[in-house]
């Protein structure tokens, strides 16, 4: 069995991470997923949260994703997300401001659609803040 697996984390704008890893953990729809080299093939949706990559050469990489799709093959993991931000690029002040705006939008929603959009944005911002705090604890 291989000791590493290739990982690609891609947003709509750019490749966020590409490299070899010993282990990857991320928020699956039904709970936290842990993936090791040689994992069985899998395609699933992922929730907003932190992707933690234990790099082959040591150290960890954290990436916040606002949900997306995970594809696992025995020798490759691909994470596709509209929004993905490197842990070191997360800005707590901006995230808190965006969360407050989303809370206001929830309060002022005039339709079910407005409420659903605002609630979704609020959940994403809460997950981003949680990911940022998790990233800072590891540092």
N, C-alpha and C. Protein backbone atom coordinates (compact mmCIF):
# COMPACT_ATOMS: atom_id res chain seq x y z
N UNK A 1 0.84 -1.18 0.00
CA UNK A 1 0.00 0.00 0.00
C UNK A 1 0.88 1.25 0.00
N UNK A 2 0.46 2.25 -0.78
CA UNK A 2 1.21 3.50 -0.85
C UNK A 2 1.16 4.22 0.49
N UNK A 3 2.19 5.01 0.75
CA UNK A 3 2.24 5.74 2.02
C UNK A 3 1.72 7.17 1.88
N UNK A 4 1.51 7.62 0.64
CA UNK A 4 0.97 8.96 0.41
C UNK A 4 -0.12 8.90 -0.66
N UNK A 5 -0.87 9.98 -0.74
CA UNK A 5 -1.92 10.12 -1.74
C UNK A 5 -1.86 11.55 -2.26
N UNK A 6 -2.08 11.72 -3.56
CA UNK A 6 -2.06 13.07 -4.14
C UNK A 6 -3.37 13.78 -3.81
N UNK A 7 -3.27 15.05 -3.39
CA UNK A 7 -4.44 15.83 -3.01
C UNK A 7 -4.48 17.10 -3.85
N UNK A 8 -5.66 17.39 -4.41
CA UNK A 8 -5.92 18.65 -5.11
C UNK A 8 -7.12 19.30 -4.45
N UNK A 9 -6.97 20.55 -4.02
CA UNK A 9 -8.08 21.35 -3.53
C UNK A 9 -8.21 22.52 -4.49
N UNK A 10 -9.38 22.62 -5.14
CA UNK A 10 -9.58 23.59 -6.21
C UNK A 10 -10.83 24.41 -5.95
N UNK A 11 -10.69 25.74 -6.09
CA UNK A 11 -11.85 26.63 -6.00
C UNK A 11 -12.25 27.03 -7.42
N UNK A 12 -13.30 27.83 -7.52
CA UNK A 12 -13.74 28.31 -8.83
C UNK A 12 -12.67 29.21 -9.46
N UNK A 13 -11.84 29.84 -8.63
CA UNK A 13 -10.85 30.78 -9.13
C UNK A 13 -9.46 30.19 -9.36
N UNK A 14 -9.06 29.22 -8.52
CA UNK A 14 -7.66 28.77 -8.58
C UNK A 14 -7.46 27.43 -7.88
N UNK A 15 -6.28 26.87 -8.10
CA UNK A 15 -5.85 25.69 -7.36
C UNK A 15 -5.31 26.20 -6.02
N UNK A 16 -5.87 25.68 -4.93
CA UNK A 16 -5.50 26.13 -3.59
C UNK A 16 -4.38 25.27 -3.01
N UNK A 17 -4.44 23.97 -3.27
CA UNK A 17 -3.41 23.05 -2.78
C UNK A 17 -3.27 21.91 -3.77
N UNK A 18 -2.04 21.53 -4.04
CA UNK A 18 -1.75 20.35 -4.84
C UNK A 18 -0.47 19.75 -4.27
N UNK A 19 -0.55 18.50 -3.81
CA UNK A 19 0.63 17.87 -3.25
C UNK A 19 0.32 16.51 -2.66
N UNK A 20 1.35 15.90 -2.11
CA UNK A 20 1.23 14.58 -1.51
C UNK A 20 0.88 14.70 -0.03
N UNK A 21 0.05 13.77 0.43
CA UNK A 21 -0.39 13.79 1.82
C UNK A 21 -0.40 12.39 2.40
N UNK A 22 -0.29 12.34 3.75
CA UNK A 22 -0.41 11.07 4.47
C UNK A 22 -1.84 10.85 4.95
N UNK A 23 -2.59 11.95 5.14
CA UNK A 23 -3.95 11.85 5.68
C UNK A 23 -4.69 13.15 5.37
N UNK A 24 -6.00 13.02 5.12
CA UNK A 24 -6.85 14.19 4.89
C UNK A 24 -8.13 14.03 5.70
N UNK A 25 -8.54 15.09 6.40
CA UNK A 25 -9.80 15.10 7.15
C UNK A 25 -10.62 16.29 6.66
N UNK A 26 -11.93 16.05 6.47
CA UNK A 26 -12.80 17.12 6.01
C UNK A 26 -14.25 16.85 6.41
N UNK A 27 -15.10 17.89 6.36
CA UNK A 27 -16.48 17.76 6.83
C UNK A 27 -17.41 17.18 5.77
N UNK A 28 -17.71 15.90 5.88
CA UNK A 28 -18.65 15.27 4.96
C UNK A 28 -20.07 15.60 5.38
N UNK A 29 -21.02 15.29 4.51
CA UNK A 29 -22.42 15.58 4.83
C UNK A 29 -22.90 14.85 6.08
N UNK A 30 -22.42 13.64 6.28
CA UNK A 30 -22.87 12.84 7.42
C UNK A 30 -21.90 12.90 8.60
N UNK A 31 -20.88 13.73 8.52
CA UNK A 31 -19.90 13.84 9.61
C UNK A 31 -18.49 13.94 9.07
N UNK A 32 -17.54 13.98 9.97
CA UNK A 32 -16.12 14.14 9.62
C UNK A 32 -15.63 12.91 8.86
N UNK A 33 -14.93 13.15 7.74
CA UNK A 33 -14.34 12.07 6.95
C UNK A 33 -12.83 12.09 7.13
N UNK A 34 -12.24 10.92 7.28
CA UNK A 34 -10.79 10.78 7.34
C UNK A 34 -10.37 9.86 6.20
N UNK A 35 -9.40 10.30 5.41
CA UNK A 35 -9.01 9.55 4.22
C UNK A 35 -7.51 9.27 4.26
N UNK A 36 -7.17 8.01 4.12
CA UNK A 36 -5.78 7.55 4.05
C UNK A 36 -5.48 7.07 2.64
N UNK A 37 -4.20 6.97 2.27
CA UNK A 37 -3.85 6.39 0.97
C UNK A 37 -4.49 5.01 0.80
N UNK A 38 -4.95 4.72 -0.40
CA UNK A 38 -5.57 3.43 -0.68
C UNK A 38 -7.04 3.36 -0.34
N UNK A 39 -7.65 4.49 0.04
CA UNK A 39 -9.08 4.54 0.38
C UNK A 39 -9.92 4.07 -0.81
N UNK A 40 -11.05 3.46 -0.52
CA UNK A 40 -11.94 3.02 -1.60
C UNK A 40 -12.49 4.24 -2.33
N UNK A 41 -12.84 4.09 -3.61
CA UNK A 41 -13.40 5.22 -4.36
C UNK A 41 -14.68 5.74 -3.71
N UNK A 42 -14.84 7.06 -3.77
CA UNK A 42 -15.96 7.71 -3.11
C UNK A 42 -16.21 9.05 -3.77
N UNK A 43 -17.48 9.38 -3.95
CA UNK A 43 -17.88 10.73 -4.36
C UNK A 43 -18.98 11.15 -3.40
N UNK A 44 -18.82 12.33 -2.78
CA UNK A 44 -19.82 12.82 -1.84
C UNK A 44 -19.77 14.33 -1.77
N UNK A 45 -20.84 14.90 -1.27
CA UNK A 45 -20.85 16.34 -1.02
C UNK A 45 -20.18 16.59 0.33
N UNK A 46 -19.59 17.77 0.45
CA UNK A 46 -18.98 18.16 1.73
C UNK A 46 -19.64 19.44 2.21
N UNK A 47 -19.64 19.61 3.53
CA UNK A 47 -20.22 20.79 4.16
C UNK A 47 -19.16 21.87 4.33
N UNK A 48 -19.59 23.10 4.58
CA UNK A 48 -18.61 24.16 4.87
C UNK A 48 -17.78 23.79 6.10
N UNK A 49 -16.49 24.02 6.01
CA UNK A 49 -15.61 23.73 7.13
C UNK A 49 -14.16 23.62 6.70
N UNK A 50 -13.35 23.07 7.60
CA UNK A 50 -11.91 22.99 7.38
C UNK A 50 -11.51 21.65 6.77
N UNK A 51 -10.67 21.73 5.74
CA UNK A 51 -9.99 20.55 5.20
C UNK A 51 -8.60 20.56 5.83
N UNK A 52 -8.26 19.47 6.52
CA UNK A 52 -6.95 19.37 7.17
C UNK A 52 -6.13 18.34 6.41
N UNK A 53 -4.99 18.76 5.90
CA UNK A 53 -4.13 17.90 5.10
C UNK A 53 -2.82 17.70 5.84
N UNK A 54 -2.52 16.43 6.21
CA UNK A 54 -1.21 16.11 6.79
C UNK A 54 -0.27 15.84 5.62
N UNK A 55 0.63 16.79 5.37
CA UNK A 55 1.50 16.72 4.20
C UNK A 55 2.53 15.60 4.35
N UNK A 56 2.93 15.03 3.21
CA UNK A 56 3.88 13.91 3.19
C UNK A 56 5.22 14.30 3.80
N UNK A 57 5.66 15.54 3.56
CA UNK A 57 6.97 15.98 4.07
C UNK A 57 6.89 16.50 5.50
N UNK A 58 5.71 16.39 6.11
CA UNK A 58 5.52 16.88 7.48
C UNK A 58 4.75 18.18 7.48
N UNK A 59 4.17 18.48 8.61
CA UNK A 59 3.37 19.70 8.71
C UNK A 59 1.96 19.49 8.22
N UNK A 60 1.14 20.50 8.43
CA UNK A 60 -0.26 20.44 8.03
C UNK A 60 -0.63 21.67 7.21
N UNK A 61 -1.60 21.47 6.35
CA UNK A 61 -2.19 22.55 5.57
C UNK A 61 -3.68 22.57 5.91
N UNK A 62 -4.21 23.76 6.20
CA UNK A 62 -5.64 23.93 6.44
C UNK A 62 -6.23 24.76 5.31
N UNK A 63 -7.39 24.33 4.82
CA UNK A 63 -8.10 25.08 3.80
C UNK A 63 -9.56 25.14 4.21
N UNK A 64 -10.15 26.35 4.22
CA UNK A 64 -11.58 26.47 4.46
C UNK A 64 -12.30 26.28 3.14
N UNK A 65 -13.34 25.45 3.12
CA UNK A 65 -14.18 25.29 1.94
C UNK A 65 -15.62 25.62 2.32
N UNK A 66 -16.33 26.26 1.41
CA UNK A 66 -17.72 26.63 1.65
C UNK A 66 -18.63 25.54 1.08
N UNK A 67 -18.31 24.29 1.38
CA UNK A 67 -19.04 23.16 0.81
C UNK A 67 -18.41 22.76 -0.51
N UNK A 68 -18.98 21.75 -1.15
CA UNK A 68 -18.45 21.32 -2.43
C UNK A 68 -18.58 19.83 -2.63
N UNK A 69 -17.70 19.30 -3.47
CA UNK A 69 -17.71 17.89 -3.84
C UNK A 69 -16.34 17.28 -3.54
N UNK A 70 -16.36 16.07 -3.01
CA UNK A 70 -15.14 15.30 -2.75
C UNK A 70 -15.15 14.08 -3.65
N UNK A 71 -14.04 13.85 -4.34
CA UNK A 71 -13.86 12.61 -5.08
C UNK A 71 -12.59 11.94 -4.56
N UNK A 72 -12.73 10.67 -4.20
CA UNK A 72 -11.59 9.90 -3.71
C UNK A 72 -11.37 8.73 -4.66
N UNK A 73 -10.14 8.61 -5.13
CA UNK A 73 -9.68 7.44 -5.88
C UNK A 73 -8.53 6.86 -5.07
N UNK A 74 -8.14 5.60 -5.29
CA UNK A 74 -7.09 5.00 -4.46
C UNK A 74 -5.79 5.81 -4.40
N UNK A 75 -5.49 6.59 -5.46
CA UNK A 75 -4.22 7.32 -5.46
C UNK A 75 -4.40 8.84 -5.56
N UNK A 76 -5.65 9.34 -5.42
CA UNK A 76 -5.90 10.78 -5.59
C UNK A 76 -7.16 11.21 -4.85
N UNK A 77 -7.07 12.38 -4.21
CA UNK A 77 -8.21 13.02 -3.58
C UNK A 77 -8.40 14.37 -4.28
N UNK A 78 -9.63 14.65 -4.71
CA UNK A 78 -9.94 15.93 -5.32
C UNK A 78 -11.08 16.58 -4.55
N UNK A 79 -10.85 17.82 -4.10
CA UNK A 79 -11.87 18.60 -3.41
C UNK A 79 -12.20 19.78 -4.32
N UNK A 80 -13.46 19.86 -4.74
CA UNK A 80 -13.92 20.96 -5.59
C UNK A 80 -14.88 21.82 -4.79
N UNK A 81 -14.62 23.13 -4.72
CA UNK A 81 -15.47 24.04 -3.96
C UNK A 81 -15.55 25.38 -4.68
N UNK A 82 -16.72 25.99 -4.68
CA UNK A 82 -16.83 27.33 -5.26
C UNK A 82 -15.89 28.29 -4.54
N UNK A 83 -15.84 28.16 -3.22
CA UNK A 83 -14.98 29.03 -2.41
C UNK A 83 -14.06 28.18 -1.55
N UNK A 84 -12.77 28.41 -1.66
CA UNK A 84 -11.76 27.75 -0.83
C UNK A 84 -10.71 28.79 -0.48
N UNK A 85 -10.36 28.84 0.81
CA UNK A 85 -9.41 29.85 1.30
C UNK A 85 -8.36 29.16 2.16
N UNK A 86 -7.09 29.42 1.86
CA UNK A 86 -6.02 28.86 2.68
C UNK A 86 -6.16 29.36 4.12
N UNK A 87 -5.82 28.50 5.07
CA UNK A 87 -5.94 28.85 6.48
C UNK A 87 -5.25 30.15 6.82
N UNK A 88 -4.04 30.36 6.31
CA UNK A 88 -3.29 31.57 6.64
C UNK A 88 -3.91 32.82 6.01
N UNK A 89 -4.82 32.64 5.03
CA UNK A 89 -5.44 33.79 4.37
C UNK A 89 -6.80 34.16 4.97
N UNK A 90 -7.27 33.37 5.95
CA UNK A 90 -8.56 33.68 6.57
C UNK A 90 -8.43 34.96 7.40
N UNK A 91 -9.43 35.82 7.32
CA UNK A 91 -9.43 37.09 8.03
C UNK A 91 -10.61 37.10 9.00
N UNK A 92 -10.30 37.02 10.31
CA UNK A 92 -11.37 36.91 11.31
C UNK A 92 -12.27 38.14 11.34
N UNK A 93 -11.71 39.32 11.20
CA UNK A 93 -12.52 40.54 11.22
C UNK A 93 -13.51 40.55 10.06
N UNK A 94 -13.03 40.22 8.86
CA UNK A 94 -13.91 40.17 7.69
C UNK A 94 -14.99 39.11 7.88
N UNK A 95 -14.61 37.94 8.40
CA UNK A 95 -15.56 36.86 8.61
C UNK A 95 -16.62 37.26 9.62
N UNK A 96 -16.22 37.92 10.70
CA UNK A 96 -17.19 38.38 11.70
C UNK A 96 -18.13 39.43 11.12
N UNK A 97 -17.61 40.35 10.31
CA UNK A 97 -18.46 41.35 9.66
C UNK A 97 -19.47 40.68 8.73
N UNK A 98 -19.00 39.72 7.96
CA UNK A 98 -19.89 39.00 7.04
C UNK A 98 -20.95 38.21 7.80
N UNK A 99 -20.56 37.64 8.94
CA UNK A 99 -21.53 36.91 9.76
C UNK A 99 -22.61 37.86 10.28
N UNK A 100 -22.20 39.05 10.74
CA UNK A 100 -23.18 40.04 11.23
C UNK A 100 -24.13 40.47 10.11
N UNK A 101 -23.60 40.66 8.90
CA UNK A 101 -24.45 41.01 7.76
C UNK A 101 -25.44 39.89 7.47
N UNK A 102 -24.98 38.65 7.55
CA UNK A 102 -25.86 37.51 7.30
C UNK A 102 -26.94 37.41 8.38
N UNK A 103 -26.58 37.70 9.64
CA UNK A 103 -27.57 37.69 10.73
C UNK A 103 -28.64 38.75 10.48
N UNK A 104 -28.21 39.94 10.03
CA UNK A 104 -29.17 41.00 9.70
C UNK A 104 -30.07 40.58 8.54
N UNK A 105 -29.48 39.94 7.54
CA UNK A 105 -30.26 39.49 6.39
C UNK A 105 -31.30 38.46 6.80
N UNK A 106 -30.96 37.60 7.76
CA UNK A 106 -31.92 36.61 8.27
C UNK A 106 -33.08 37.34 8.94
N UNK A 107 -32.77 38.34 9.77
CA UNK A 107 -33.81 39.09 10.48
C UNK A 107 -34.72 39.85 9.51
N UNK A 108 -34.14 40.37 8.43
CA UNK A 108 -34.88 41.23 7.50
C UNK A 108 -35.38 40.50 6.26
N UNK A 109 -35.29 39.20 6.23
CA UNK A 109 -35.73 38.44 5.05
C UNK A 109 -37.21 38.68 4.77
N UNK A 110 -37.53 38.97 3.51
CA UNK A 110 -38.90 39.27 3.13
C UNK A 110 -39.59 38.09 2.45
N UNK A 111 -38.82 37.08 2.11
CA UNK A 111 -39.41 35.90 1.46
C UNK A 111 -38.67 34.65 1.94
N UNK A 112 -39.25 33.50 1.66
CA UNK A 112 -38.60 32.23 2.01
C UNK A 112 -37.26 32.11 1.30
N UNK A 113 -37.20 32.58 0.06
CA UNK A 113 -35.95 32.50 -0.70
C UNK A 113 -34.88 33.39 -0.06
N UNK A 114 -35.24 34.61 0.33
CA UNK A 114 -34.29 35.50 1.02
C UNK A 114 -33.81 34.86 2.31
N UNK A 115 -34.74 34.26 3.05
CA UNK A 115 -34.38 33.62 4.32
C UNK A 115 -33.43 32.44 4.09
N UNK A 116 -33.70 31.63 3.07
CA UNK A 116 -32.84 30.48 2.77
C UNK A 116 -31.43 30.94 2.38
N UNK A 117 -31.34 31.97 1.54
CA UNK A 117 -30.03 32.48 1.13
C UNK A 117 -29.25 33.03 2.33
N UNK A 118 -29.93 33.81 3.16
CA UNK A 118 -29.27 34.41 4.33
C UNK A 118 -28.85 33.35 5.33
N UNK A 119 -29.70 32.34 5.54
CA UNK A 119 -29.38 31.27 6.47
C UNK A 119 -28.18 30.47 5.97
N UNK A 120 -28.12 30.22 4.67
CA UNK A 120 -26.98 29.51 4.09
C UNK A 120 -25.70 30.32 4.27
N UNK A 121 -25.76 31.61 3.99
CA UNK A 121 -24.57 32.46 4.15
C UNK A 121 -24.13 32.51 5.61
N UNK A 122 -25.09 32.56 6.53
CA UNK A 122 -24.77 32.57 7.95
C UNK A 122 -24.06 31.27 8.36
N UNK A 123 -24.54 30.14 7.86
CA UNK A 123 -23.90 28.85 8.17
C UNK A 123 -22.48 28.80 7.62
N UNK A 124 -22.28 29.32 6.42
CA UNK A 124 -20.94 29.33 5.81
C UNK A 124 -20.00 30.21 6.63
N UNK A 125 -20.45 31.38 7.06
CA UNK A 125 -19.59 32.28 7.82
C UNK A 125 -19.28 31.70 9.20
N UNK A 126 -20.26 31.05 9.82
CA UNK A 126 -19.99 30.40 11.11
C UNK A 126 -18.95 29.30 10.94
N UNK A 127 -19.05 28.53 9.87
CA UNK A 127 -18.07 27.47 9.61
C UNK A 127 -16.69 28.06 9.32
N UNK A 128 -16.65 29.19 8.63
CA UNK A 128 -15.36 29.82 8.33
C UNK A 128 -14.71 30.31 9.62
N UNK A 129 -15.47 30.90 10.51
CA UNK A 129 -14.92 31.37 11.79
C UNK A 129 -14.42 30.18 12.62
N UNK A 130 -15.19 29.10 12.64
CA UNK A 130 -14.77 27.89 13.37
C UNK A 130 -13.48 27.33 12.77
N UNK A 131 -13.38 27.31 11.44
CA UNK A 131 -12.17 26.82 10.77
C UNK A 131 -10.98 27.70 11.12
N UNK A 132 -11.19 29.01 11.15
CA UNK A 132 -10.12 29.94 11.49
C UNK A 132 -9.61 29.69 12.91
N UNK A 133 -10.52 29.49 13.83
CA UNK A 133 -10.13 29.23 15.22
C UNK A 133 -9.38 27.91 15.34
N UNK A 134 -9.83 26.90 14.61
CA UNK A 134 -9.15 25.60 14.62
C UNK A 134 -7.74 25.75 14.05
N UNK A 135 -7.60 26.51 12.98
CA UNK A 135 -6.30 26.76 12.36
C UNK A 135 -5.37 27.46 13.34
N UNK A 136 -5.88 28.46 14.04
CA UNK A 136 -5.05 29.22 14.99
C UNK A 136 -4.62 28.35 16.18
N UNK A 137 -5.48 27.44 16.62
CA UNK A 137 -5.12 26.55 17.74
C UNK A 137 -3.95 25.65 17.35
N UNK A 138 -3.89 25.24 16.09
CA UNK A 138 -2.83 24.34 15.63
C UNK A 138 -1.50 25.06 15.50
N UNK A 139 -1.53 26.37 15.33
CA UNK A 139 -0.29 27.14 15.11
C UNK A 139 0.49 27.32 16.37
